[in-house]
Amino acid sequence: MPADLPRLRAPEKRPAIGIVHLGLGAFFRAHGAIYIAEAMEKSGGDWSICGVSLKSPGTRDALAPQGGAYTAVELAPDGTKPRVITSVAEVLVAPEDPAAVLSRLTDPAVKIVSLTVTEKGYCHDPATGALNPDHPDIRHDLAASLPASAPGYVVRALALRRAAGLAPFTVLSCDNLPDNGSVVRGVVLDLARRIDPDLADWIAAHGRFPATMVDRIVPATSAEDIEATARLTGYDDRAPVMHEPFRQWVIQDDFVNDDRPDLAGVGAQLVGDVTPFEHMKLRMLNGTHSALAYLGYLAGHETIADCAADPVMAGYVKRLWRAEIIPALTPPEGTDLDQHADALFARYENPAIRHRTWQIAMDGSQKLPQRILATLAENHAAGRDSHGLCLAVAGWMRYVSGVDLDGNAIDVRDPLADRLRLDGQTGAARVDALLALREVFPQTVAETWRDPIVQALHQLETKGVRDAIRALPG
């Protein structure tokens, strides 16, 4: 990177902070923070963001010298479009100073606490959605007043607001979880009840936990991306984010005192029921992304665009939509799911988006229940076959073994990685051992789809990815 480029800087005057965001990663900065910036530009309001990193200081260290400003780079097939985003006004690192985070959360000006902490950040059982009281962070939060987990910060901050006579903030989950509003409400109330039952009653009566659906493909930012952004813009930005042109944000319109930015004015959809949008996105986009991540990785593909360019993989994902996923969905009003599938595939083909299969493959034990297993359950109830989705599950089972089809080691990143490896177990024994993990597989799914998954894993390991796909019926 040229040493003489000026560092990107935020303007000195900005609206006051009205939102605290837990989990300030690339996705939120490429999605929600842009909507919020546009809402303030259009309609005003003090809705600047305090971002909180719950684990490491890397994002803070990159953004702090820039005053929180960063470049959002749209990657379209016809070129790149950079834009400076200044809605993030402050970044805190929770482990360094948890009291400072609680102080910001109890500021009366803060009306919304949003989250992108990934599935594992809710410290819950993905198969049931319930709080996991044995999670190490939850055990810590039950014993200490200064929390460690995202639910812990929400509960302790709400306790402080109640004690001070303040209204609660709205808790806005922006993670890919089915009925994410109910999930975060459930874990917050459970944790609060274990600390103070009266607090839980107050939160239940006065708090708001709207459900959301978020959609935008955001690949991980690489060192090459940072250098390319410098060449493109003429300034030094250590924290750019890359994103596709498409975006969507569907939000249940249920906020404490109706306090929120003018998100509808900049394209967000405020609705009464998010569920049809959520199921469509989790199963059509996230479900096929996961299927392509595991099978594509095992087939030697680095990115989703590489998978889409492979005729066999392309045929596979289109088959999943047509035969197994769309029949299990109720479309949102005015949505043609076949046309939506065509639009999704066009997004997958975008060569400017290098969305790596290894990135999507992370934390699969937390993602499978909502992305794939829910469709398997509904297809069984309706008497539909799901051989393609069973092959995706088999791909995950092989991937988490830590060895690819050529015998090369895989760096498996998953909260259950040590339990998933199952060294020495192969074939049906491996399938049975993994299906027995109730925090991943509901018993009915495990019992119903056991034999097709055993057959799919055998096909995958004896014939390879492409021939296993070609062998699928239909």
Protein backbone atom coordinates (compact mmCIF):
# COMPACT_ATOMS: atom_id res chain seq x y z
CA MET A 1 0.00 0.00 0.00
CA PRO A 2 1.41 3.45 -0.89
CA ALA A 3 2.86 4.99 2.25
CA ASP A 4 1.92 8.56 1.30
CA LEU A 5 -1.86 8.06 1.07
CA PRO A 6 -3.89 10.04 3.61
CA ARG A 7 -5.83 8.01 6.20
CA LEU A 8 -9.60 8.03 5.84
CA ARG A 9 -11.21 10.26 8.49
CA ALA A 10 -14.75 10.72 9.74
CA PRO A 11 -16.30 14.21 9.88
CA GLU A 12 -15.99 15.96 13.22
CA LYS A 13 -19.73 16.54 13.67
CA ARG A 14 -22.14 13.64 13.53
CA PRO A 15 -25.53 12.78 15.02
CA ALA A 16 -25.48 11.50 18.60
CA ILE A 17 -25.41 7.78 19.37
CA GLY A 18 -28.82 6.11 19.52
CA ILE A 19 -27.93 2.51 18.65
CA VAL A 20 -25.52 0.05 20.22
CA HIS A 21 -24.58 -2.84 17.96
CA LEU A 22 -23.15 -6.04 19.48
CA GLY A 23 -20.85 -7.91 17.10
CA LEU A 24 -19.47 -5.24 14.76
CA GLY A 25 -18.42 -7.48 11.90
CA ALA A 26 -18.28 -6.99 8.16
CA PHE A 27 -21.89 -8.01 7.53
CA PHE A 28 -23.49 -5.34 9.70
CA ARG A 29 -21.15 -2.66 8.37
CA ALA A 30 -22.07 -3.68 4.80
CA HIS A 31 -25.80 -3.89 5.54
CA GLY A 32 -27.50 -2.38 8.60
CA ALA A 33 -25.02 0.46 9.13
CA ILE A 34 -25.57 1.58 5.53
CA TYR A 35 -29.35 1.61 5.91
CA ILE A 36 -28.96 3.61 9.14
CA ALA A 37 -26.57 6.08 7.49
CA GLU A 38 -29.06 6.59 4.66
CA ALA A 39 -31.98 6.98 7.09
CA MET A 40 -30.14 9.76 8.95
CA GLU A 41 -29.20 11.45 5.67
CA LYS A 42 -32.82 11.35 4.50
CA SER A 43 -34.80 12.05 7.65
CA GLY A 44 -32.34 13.09 10.37
CA GLY A 45 -32.36 11.78 13.93
CA ASP A 46 -29.69 10.85 16.46
CA TRP A 47 -29.06 7.27 15.35
CA SER A 48 -25.30 7.01 15.16
CA ILE A 49 -23.93 3.62 16.19
CA CYS A 50 -21.68 2.47 19.00
CA GLY A 51 -20.23 -0.81 17.79
CA VAL A 52 -19.16 -3.38 20.37
CA SER A 53 -16.64 -6.10 19.62
CA LEU A 54 -17.39 -8.95 22.02
CA LYS A 55 -14.14 -10.87 21.51
CA SER A 56 -11.15 -9.14 19.93
CA PRO A 57 -9.91 -5.57 19.32
CA GLY A 58 -9.13 -5.98 15.61
CA THR A 59 -12.12 -4.06 14.26
CA ARG A 60 -11.71 -1.28 16.84
CA ASP A 61 -8.00 -0.97 16.12
CA ALA A 62 -8.70 -0.56 12.40
CA LEU A 63 -11.63 1.84 12.77
CA ALA A 64 -10.56 4.04 15.71
CA PRO A 65 -7.87 6.02 13.80
CA GLN A 66 -10.54 6.69 11.15
CA GLY A 67 -13.16 7.88 13.64
CA GLY A 68 -15.28 4.87 12.74
CA ALA A 69 -15.49 5.79 9.05
CA TYR A 70 -14.94 3.07 6.45
CA THR A 71 -15.52 2.34 2.79
CA ALA A 72 -18.33 0.08 1.61
CA VAL A 73 -17.34 -1.25 -1.82
CA GLU A 74 -20.11 -2.56 -4.05
CA LEU A 75 -18.83 -5.38 -6.24
CA ALA A 76 -20.93 -5.60 -9.39
CA PRO A 77 -20.16 -7.55 -12.58
CA ASP A 78 -19.65 -4.24 -14.38
CA GLY A 79 -17.30 -2.69 -11.83
CA THR A 80 -16.81 -1.48 -8.26
CA LYS A 81 -18.46 1.47 -6.50
CA PRO A 82 -16.95 2.78 -3.25
CA ARG A 83 -18.86 4.81 -0.67
CA VAL A 84 -17.72 6.19 2.70
CA ILE A 85 -20.00 5.25 5.62
CA THR A 86 -19.86 7.37 8.78
CA SER A 87 -22.74 6.02 10.88
CA VAL A 88 -20.37 4.18 13.28
CA ALA A 89 -19.29 6.85 15.76
CA GLU A 90 -17.67 4.72 18.48
CA VAL A 91 -16.22 1.23 18.86
CA LEU A 92 -15.77 -0.50 22.22
CA VAL A 93 -14.07 -3.81 22.99
CA ALA A 94 -16.13 -5.61 25.61
CA PRO A 95 -13.42 -7.77 27.23
CA GLU A 96 -11.20 -4.71 27.72
CA ASP A 97 -13.82 -2.66 29.57
CA PRO A 98 -17.20 -4.33 30.12
CA ALA A 99 -18.27 -1.51 32.44
CA ALA A 100 -17.88 0.99 29.58
CA VAL A 101 -20.15 -1.14 27.42
CA LEU A 102 -22.79 -1.30 30.16
CA SER A 103 -22.50 2.46 30.62
CA ARG A 104 -23.21 3.04 26.95
CA LEU A 105 -26.10 0.54 26.99
CA THR A 106 -27.72 2.39 29.90
CA ASP A 107 -27.46 5.81 28.21
CA PRO A 108 -31.07 7.10 27.93
CA ALA A 109 -30.30 8.19 24.35
CA VAL A 110 -29.78 4.56 23.30
CA LYS A 111 -33.10 3.25 21.99
CA ILE A 112 -32.00 0.16 20.03
CA VAL A 113 -29.50 -2.63 20.70
CA SER A 114 -28.92 -4.65 17.55
CA LEU A 115 -26.92 -7.86 17.19
CA THR A 116 -24.94 -9.79 14.60
CA VAL A 117 -23.17 -12.27 16.86
CA THR A 118 -23.69 -15.36 14.61
CA GLU A 119 -25.74 -18.35 15.66
CA LYS A 120 -23.28 -19.42 18.34
CA GLY A 121 -23.33 -15.98 19.99
CA TYR A 122 -26.79 -16.58 21.47
CA CYS A 123 -25.45 -19.34 23.74
CA HIS A 124 -28.46 -21.48 22.92
CA ASP A 125 -29.29 -24.95 21.69
CA PRO A 126 -29.75 -24.54 17.91
CA ALA A 127 -32.09 -27.53 17.72
CA THR A 128 -34.55 -26.08 20.28
CA GLY A 129 -33.73 -22.36 20.49
CA ALA A 130 -33.49 -22.55 24.30
CA LEU A 131 -30.73 -20.99 26.39
CA ASN A 132 -27.86 -23.36 27.16
CA PRO A 133 -27.24 -22.79 30.88
CA ASP A 134 -24.08 -24.87 30.72
CA HIS A 135 -22.42 -22.61 28.15
CA PRO A 136 -19.22 -21.24 29.74
CA ASP A 137 -20.19 -17.61 29.07
CA ILE A 138 -23.64 -18.11 30.56
CA ARG A 139 -22.17 -19.75 33.66
CA HIS A 140 -19.93 -16.69 33.95
CA ASP A 141 -22.83 -14.28 33.46
CA LEU A 142 -24.91 -15.99 36.14
CA ALA A 143 -22.11 -15.52 38.67
CA ALA A 144 -20.72 -12.10 37.72
CA SER A 145 -22.19 -8.61 37.37
CA LEU A 146 -19.88 -7.78 34.45
CA PRO A 147 -21.01 -10.04 31.62
CA ALA A 148 -19.22 -11.90 28.83
CA SER A 149 -21.98 -12.99 26.43
CA ALA A 150 -24.32 -10.98 24.22
CA PRO A 151 -27.39 -12.14 26.21
CA GLY A 152 -25.51 -11.27 29.38
CA TYR A 153 -24.87 -7.68 28.27
CA VAL A 154 -28.51 -7.26 27.27
CA VAL A 155 -29.81 -8.61 30.59
CA ARG A 156 -27.39 -6.68 32.83
CA ALA A 157 -28.01 -3.45 30.89
CA LEU A 158 -31.78 -3.86 31.11
CA ALA A 159 -31.45 -4.45 34.85
CA LEU A 160 -29.54 -1.17 35.19
CA ARG A 161 -32.10 0.70 33.08
CA ARG A 162 -34.95 -0.69 35.18
CA ALA A 163 -33.18 0.36 38.39
CA ALA A 164 -32.71 3.86 36.95
CA GLY A 165 -36.35 4.19 35.94
CA LEU A 166 -35.55 4.14 32.21
CA ALA A 167 -37.50 2.45 29.46
CA PRO A 168 -35.92 -0.67 27.97
CA PHE A 169 -34.26 -0.52 24.59
CA THR A 170 -35.53 -2.52 21.61
CA VAL A 171 -33.43 -5.66 21.02
CA LEU A 172 -33.02 -6.16 17.28
CA SER A 173 -31.41 -9.42 16.18
CA CYS A 174 -29.98 -9.31 12.66
CA ASP A 175 -28.63 -12.88 12.60
CA ASN A 176 -29.71 -15.73 10.35
CA LEU A 177 -31.89 -17.53 12.88
CA PRO A 178 -35.46 -18.69 12.39
CA ASP A 179 -37.75 -16.33 14.28
CA ASN A 180 -34.68 -14.53 15.58
CA GLY A 181 -36.75 -12.09 17.62
CA SER A 182 -38.34 -14.91 19.61
CA VAL A 183 -34.99 -16.67 20.01
CA VAL A 184 -33.24 -13.64 21.52
CA ARG A 185 -36.32 -12.84 23.63
CA GLY A 186 -36.32 -16.41 24.95
CA VAL A 187 -32.65 -16.53 25.90
CA VAL A 188 -32.80 -13.03 27.45
CA LEU A 189 -35.87 -13.87 29.54
CA ASP A 190 -34.45 -17.21 30.63
CA LEU A 191 -31.16 -15.65 31.70
CA ALA A 192 -32.95 -12.76 33.41
CA ARG A 193 -35.25 -15.16 35.27
CA ARG A 194 -32.25 -17.06 36.62
CA ILE A 195 -30.80 -13.77 37.90
CA ASP A 196 -33.95 -11.94 39.03
CA PRO A 197 -37.50 -13.17 38.26
CA ASP A 198 -38.93 -9.64 38.72
CA LEU A 199 -36.51 -8.35 36.09
CA ALA A 200 -37.68 -11.05 33.67
CA ASP A 201 -41.31 -10.02 34.25
CA TRP A 202 -40.44 -6.35 33.55
CA ILE A 203 -38.61 -7.24 30.34
CA ALA A 204 -41.49 -9.47 29.21
CA ALA A 205 -44.00 -6.67 29.83
CA HIS A 206 -42.09 -3.70 28.43
CA GLY A 207 -39.34 -4.99 26.14
CA ARG A 208 -39.60 -5.46 22.40
CA PHE A 209 -37.76 -8.05 20.31
CA PRO A 210 -38.78 -7.61 16.65
CA ALA A 211 -37.90 -10.35 14.19
CA THR A 212 -35.86 -9.48 11.12
CA MET A 213 -34.64 -10.94 7.86
CA VAL A 214 -31.35 -9.65 6.46
CA ASP A 215 -29.96 -10.43 3.03
CA ARG A 216 -26.73 -9.35 1.36
CA ILE A 217 -23.72 -11.39 0.34
CA VAL A 218 -20.65 -10.02 2.16
CA PRO A 219 -17.38 -11.88 1.55
CA ALA A 220 -14.57 -11.61 4.06
CA THR A 221 -12.28 -8.64 3.41
CA SER A 222 -8.78 -9.68 2.35
CA ALA A 223 -5.46 -7.83 2.37
CA GLU A 224 -5.81 -7.61 -1.41
CA ASP A 225 -9.21 -5.91 -0.96
CA ILE A 226 -7.65 -3.29 1.32
CA GLU A 227 -4.95 -2.55 -1.23
CA ALA A 228 -7.47 -2.43 -4.10
CA THR A 229 -9.65 0.00 -2.13
CA ALA A 230 -6.65 2.29 -1.60
CA ARG A 231 -5.90 2.27 -5.33
CA LEU A 232 -9.56 2.90 -6.14
CA THR A 233 -10.16 5.73 -3.67
CA GLY A 234 -6.78 7.37 -3.16
CA TYR A 235 -6.89 7.10 0.63
CA ASP A 236 -5.80 4.57 3.25
CA ASP A 237 -8.72 2.64 4.77
CA ARG A 238 -7.79 -0.30 7.01
CA ALA A 239 -11.39 -1.52 7.43
CA PRO A 240 -13.29 -1.55 4.12
CA VAL A 241 -16.13 -4.00 3.53
CA MET A 242 -17.05 -5.66 0.24
CA HIS A 243 -20.64 -6.42 -0.75
CA GLU A 244 -22.86 -7.33 -3.67
CA PRO A 245 -25.34 -4.80 -5.14
CA PHE A 246 -28.42 -6.61 -3.78
CA ARG A 247 -29.70 -5.93 -0.27
CA GLN A 248 -32.89 -6.57 1.70
CA TRP A 249 -33.94 -5.87 5.27
CA VAL A 250 -37.37 -7.00 6.47
CA ILE A 251 -38.24 -5.91 10.02
CA GLN A 252 -41.21 -6.63 12.26
CA ASP A 253 -42.57 -3.19 13.12
CA ASP A 254 -42.52 -3.55 16.91
CA PHE A 255 -40.23 -1.06 18.69
CA VAL A 256 -40.29 0.36 22.22
CA ASN A 257 -42.20 3.66 22.00
CA ASP A 258 -41.97 3.32 18.20
CA ASP A 259 -38.41 4.77 18.41
CA ARG A 260 -36.46 3.87 15.26
CA PRO A 261 -34.68 5.49 12.32
CA ASP A 262 -36.66 6.07 9.13
CA LEU A 263 -35.59 2.72 7.72
CA ALA A 264 -38.71 2.33 5.60
CA GLY A 265 -37.81 5.57 3.88
CA VAL A 266 -34.59 4.04 2.55
CA GLY A 267 -35.92 0.71 1.38
CA ALA A 268 -36.29 -1.52 4.44
CA GLN A 269 -39.60 -3.38 4.65
CA LEU A 270 -41.46 -2.93 7.94
CA VAL A 271 -44.07 -5.66 8.23
CA GLY A 272 -46.32 -7.43 10.70
CA ASP A 273 -44.96 -10.94 10.07
CA VAL A 274 -41.39 -11.63 8.97
CA THR A 275 -41.77 -15.42 8.90
CA PRO A 276 -42.40 -15.98 5.15
CA PHE A 277 -39.44 -13.75 4.23
CA GLU A 278 -37.26 -15.43 6.83
CA HIS A 279 -38.03 -18.97 5.70
CA MET A 280 -37.49 -18.00 2.07
CA LYS A 281 -34.09 -16.53 2.81
CA LEU A 282 -32.82 -19.09 5.33
CA ARG A 283 -33.75 -22.05 3.15
CA MET A 284 -33.35 -20.77 -0.40
CA LEU A 285 -30.19 -18.68 0.04
CA ASN A 286 -28.54 -19.86 3.26
CA GLY A 287 -29.56 -23.49 2.78
CA THR A 288 -28.11 -23.73 -0.73
CA HIS A 289 -25.08 -21.67 0.32
CA SER A 290 -24.32 -24.31 2.98
CA ALA A 291 -24.92 -27.16 0.53
CA LEU A 292 -22.56 -25.56 -1.99
CA ALA A 293 -20.03 -24.73 0.73
CA TYR A 294 -19.52 -28.35 1.80
CA LEU A 295 -19.94 -30.10 -1.53
CA GLY A 296 -18.19 -27.31 -3.42
CA TYR A 297 -15.23 -27.35 -1.05
CA LEU A 298 -14.97 -31.14 -1.38
CA ALA A 299 -15.15 -30.74 -5.18
CA GLY A 300 -12.22 -28.30 -5.11
CA HIS A 301 -14.13 -25.03 -5.57
CA GLU A 302 -12.86 -21.97 -3.70
CA THR A 303 -15.90 -19.70 -4.10
CA ILE A 304 -19.67 -19.80 -4.66
CA ALA A 305 -19.10 -18.23 -8.09
CA ASP A 306 -16.81 -21.17 -8.93
CA CYS A 307 -19.61 -23.55 -7.90
CA ALA A 308 -22.14 -21.67 -10.04
CA ALA A 309 -19.79 -21.93 -13.04
CA ASP A 310 -19.62 -25.73 -12.65
CA PRO A 311 -22.55 -27.18 -14.68
CA VAL A 312 -22.97 -30.14 -12.32
CA MET A 313 -23.03 -27.97 -9.20
CA ALA A 314 -25.32 -25.45 -10.93
CA GLY A 315 -27.75 -28.21 -11.83
CA TYR A 316 -27.61 -29.47 -8.26
CA VAL A 317 -28.54 -26.16 -6.64
CA LYS A 318 -31.34 -25.57 -9.14
CA ARG A 319 -32.66 -29.07 -8.38
CA LEU A 320 -32.63 -28.29 -4.65
CA TRP A 321 -34.76 -25.20 -5.20
CA ARG A 322 -37.19 -26.80 -7.64
CA ALA A 323 -37.74 -30.22 -6.06
CA GLU A 324 -37.00 -29.90 -2.35
CA ILE A 325 -36.94 -26.33 -1.00
CA ILE A 326 -39.62 -24.33 -2.84
CA PRO A 327 -42.32 -26.99 -2.31
CA ALA A 328 -41.82 -26.59 1.46
CA LEU A 329 -42.23 -22.78 1.46
CA THR A 330 -45.14 -20.37 1.68
CA PRO A 331 -44.05 -17.40 -0.44
CA PRO A 332 -44.26 -13.84 0.89
CA GLU A 333 -47.13 -11.93 -0.66
CA GLY A 334 -46.32 -10.90 -4.20
CA THR A 335 -43.23 -13.14 -4.47
CA ASP A 336 -42.74 -15.74 -7.21
CA LEU A 337 -40.33 -18.28 -5.70
CA ASP A 338 -39.20 -19.63 -9.09
CA GLN A 339 -38.25 -16.11 -10.18
CA HIS A 340 -36.58 -15.59 -6.80
CA ALA A 341 -34.49 -18.71 -7.40
CA ASP A 342 -33.40 -17.37 -10.80
CA ALA A 343 -32.38 -14.08 -9.17
CA LEU A 344 -30.46 -15.93 -6.46
CA PHE A 345 -28.52 -17.92 -9.02
CA ALA A 346 -27.60 -14.72 -10.86
CA ARG A 347 -26.22 -13.41 -7.56
CA TYR A 348 -24.22 -16.62 -7.10
CA GLU A 349 -22.73 -16.20 -10.59
CA ASN A 350 -21.38 -12.70 -9.87
CA PRO A 351 -17.62 -13.14 -10.51
CA ALA A 352 -16.78 -9.99 -8.55
CA ILE A 353 -17.98 -11.59 -5.30
CA ARG A 354 -15.39 -14.02 -3.97
CA HIS A 355 -17.52 -15.60 -1.26
CA ARG A 356 -15.29 -18.46 -0.16
CA THR A 357 -16.74 -21.86 0.57
CA TRP A 358 -14.60 -22.20 3.72
CA GLN A 359 -16.14 -18.98 5.09
CA ILE A 360 -19.69 -20.27 4.67
CA ALA A 361 -18.69 -23.71 5.98
CA MET A 362 -17.74 -22.40 9.43
CA ASP A 363 -20.00 -23.17 12.42
CA GLY A 364 -22.07 -25.66 10.45
CA SER A 365 -23.39 -27.39 13.57
CA GLN A 366 -25.13 -24.11 14.45
CA LYS A 367 -26.44 -23.48 10.93
CA LEU A 368 -27.77 -26.83 9.73
CA PRO A 369 -30.94 -26.91 11.90
CA GLN A 370 -32.50 -23.79 10.42
CA ARG A 371 -30.95 -23.89 6.95
CA ILE A 372 -31.47 -27.53 5.98
CA LEU A 373 -32.92 -29.74 8.72
CA ALA A 374 -36.17 -27.76 9.01
CA THR A 375 -36.83 -28.39 5.31
CA LEU A 376 -36.06 -32.09 5.77
CA ALA A 377 -38.62 -32.27 8.58
CA GLU A 378 -41.32 -30.56 6.53
CA ASN A 379 -40.61 -32.67 3.46
CA HIS A 380 -40.97 -35.83 5.50
CA ALA A 381 -44.31 -34.65 6.88
CA ALA A 382 -45.49 -33.96 3.32
CA GLY A 383 -44.17 -37.23 1.90
CA ARG A 384 -41.54 -35.58 -0.29
CA ASP A 385 -38.11 -37.04 -1.00
CA SER A 386 -35.04 -34.96 -0.08
CA HIS A 387 -32.12 -36.84 -1.61
CA GLY A 388 -30.33 -33.61 -2.57
CA LEU A 389 -30.51 -32.16 0.94
CA CYS A 390 -29.41 -35.51 2.38
CA LEU A 391 -26.35 -35.27 0.13
CA ALA A 392 -25.68 -31.79 1.56
CA VAL A 393 -25.85 -33.21 5.11
CA ALA A 394 -23.50 -36.02 4.05
CA GLY A 395 -21.14 -33.38 2.65
CA TRP A 396 -21.13 -31.63 6.02
CA MET A 397 -20.45 -34.95 7.76
CA ARG A 398 -17.44 -35.60 5.56
CA TYR A 399 -16.20 -32.00 5.87
CA VAL A 400 -16.25 -32.02 9.69
CA SER A 401 -14.25 -35.25 9.74
CA GLY A 402 -11.28 -32.95 9.08
CA VAL A 403 -10.19 -34.82 5.93
CA ASP A 404 -11.31 -34.11 2.37
CA LEU A 405 -12.00 -36.74 -0.30
CA ASP A 406 -8.34 -36.74 -1.31
CA GLY A 407 -7.09 -37.29 2.24
CA ASN A 408 -5.98 -33.69 2.80
CA ALA A 409 -6.53 -32.03 6.18
CA ILE A 410 -9.40 -29.55 6.58
CA ASP A 411 -9.25 -26.72 9.12
CA VAL A 412 -12.70 -27.27 10.67
CA ARG A 413 -13.96 -24.23 12.56
CA ASP A 414 -17.01 -25.09 14.63
CA PRO A 415 -17.95 -24.84 18.32
CA LEU A 416 -18.36 -28.64 18.33
CA ALA A 417 -15.26 -29.38 16.24
CA ASP A 418 -13.68 -31.75 18.77
CA ARG A 419 -16.87 -33.81 18.98
CA LEU A 420 -17.47 -33.83 15.24
CA ARG A 421 -14.14 -35.26 14.13
CA LEU A 422 -14.87 -38.82 15.33
CA ASP A 423 -11.43 -40.14 14.42
CA GLY A 424 -11.62 -43.67 13.08
CA GLN A 425 -15.39 -43.79 12.57
CA THR A 426 -16.51 -44.09 8.96
CA GLY A 427 -19.61 -44.83 6.92
CA ALA A 428 -22.79 -45.69 8.81
CA ALA A 429 -21.02 -45.53 12.18
CA ARG A 430 -20.03 -41.90 11.52
CA VAL A 431 -23.56 -41.02 10.40
CA ASP A 432 -25.09 -42.62 13.50
CA ALA A 433 -22.67 -40.87 15.84
CA LEU A 434 -23.35 -37.45 14.31
CA LEU A 435 -27.11 -37.95 14.11
CA ALA A 436 -27.04 -38.69 17.84
CA LEU A 437 -25.97 -35.08 18.57
CA ARG A 438 -29.30 -33.71 19.77
CA GLU A 439 -28.03 -30.12 19.84
CA VAL A 440 -27.84 -30.43 16.05
CA PHE A 441 -30.29 -33.12 14.90
CA PRO A 442 -33.82 -33.43 16.30
CA GLN A 443 -34.63 -37.07 16.96
CA THR A 444 -37.36 -37.22 14.31
CA VAL A 445 -35.02 -35.92 11.62
CA ALA A 446 -32.28 -38.32 12.70
CA GLU A 447 -34.61 -41.31 12.61
CA THR A 448 -36.37 -40.36 9.37
CA TRP A 449 -33.40 -39.50 7.19
CA ARG A 450 -30.73 -41.81 8.59
CA ASP A 451 -30.72 -44.33 5.72
CA PRO A 452 -30.73 -41.76 2.87
CA ILE A 453 -27.85 -39.91 4.55
CA VAL A 454 -25.86 -43.15 4.95
CA GLN A 455 -26.41 -43.87 1.26
CA ALA A 456 -25.48 -40.29 0.28
CA LEU A 457 -22.24 -40.41 2.30
CA HIS A 458 -21.33 -43.73 0.68
CA GLN A 459 -21.95 -42.28 -2.79
CA LEU A 460 -19.92 -39.19 -1.94
CA GLU A 461 -16.93 -41.09 -0.57
CA THR A 462 -16.84 -43.78 -3.29
CA LYS A 463 -17.80 -41.77 -6.37
CA GLY A 464 -16.83 -38.18 -5.56
CA VAL A 465 -18.99 -35.07 -5.51
CA ARG A 466 -20.00 -34.79 -9.16
CA ASP A 467 -20.89 -38.44 -9.66
CA ALA A 468 -22.81 -38.43 -6.37
CA ILE A 469 -24.81 -35.48 -7.68
CA ARG A 470 -25.37 -37.19 -11.03
CA ALA A 471 -26.65 -40.27 -9.19
CA LEU A 472 -29.43 -38.31 -7.46
CA PRO A 473 -32.90 -39.47 -8.54
CA GLY A 474 -35.08 -37.09 -10.54
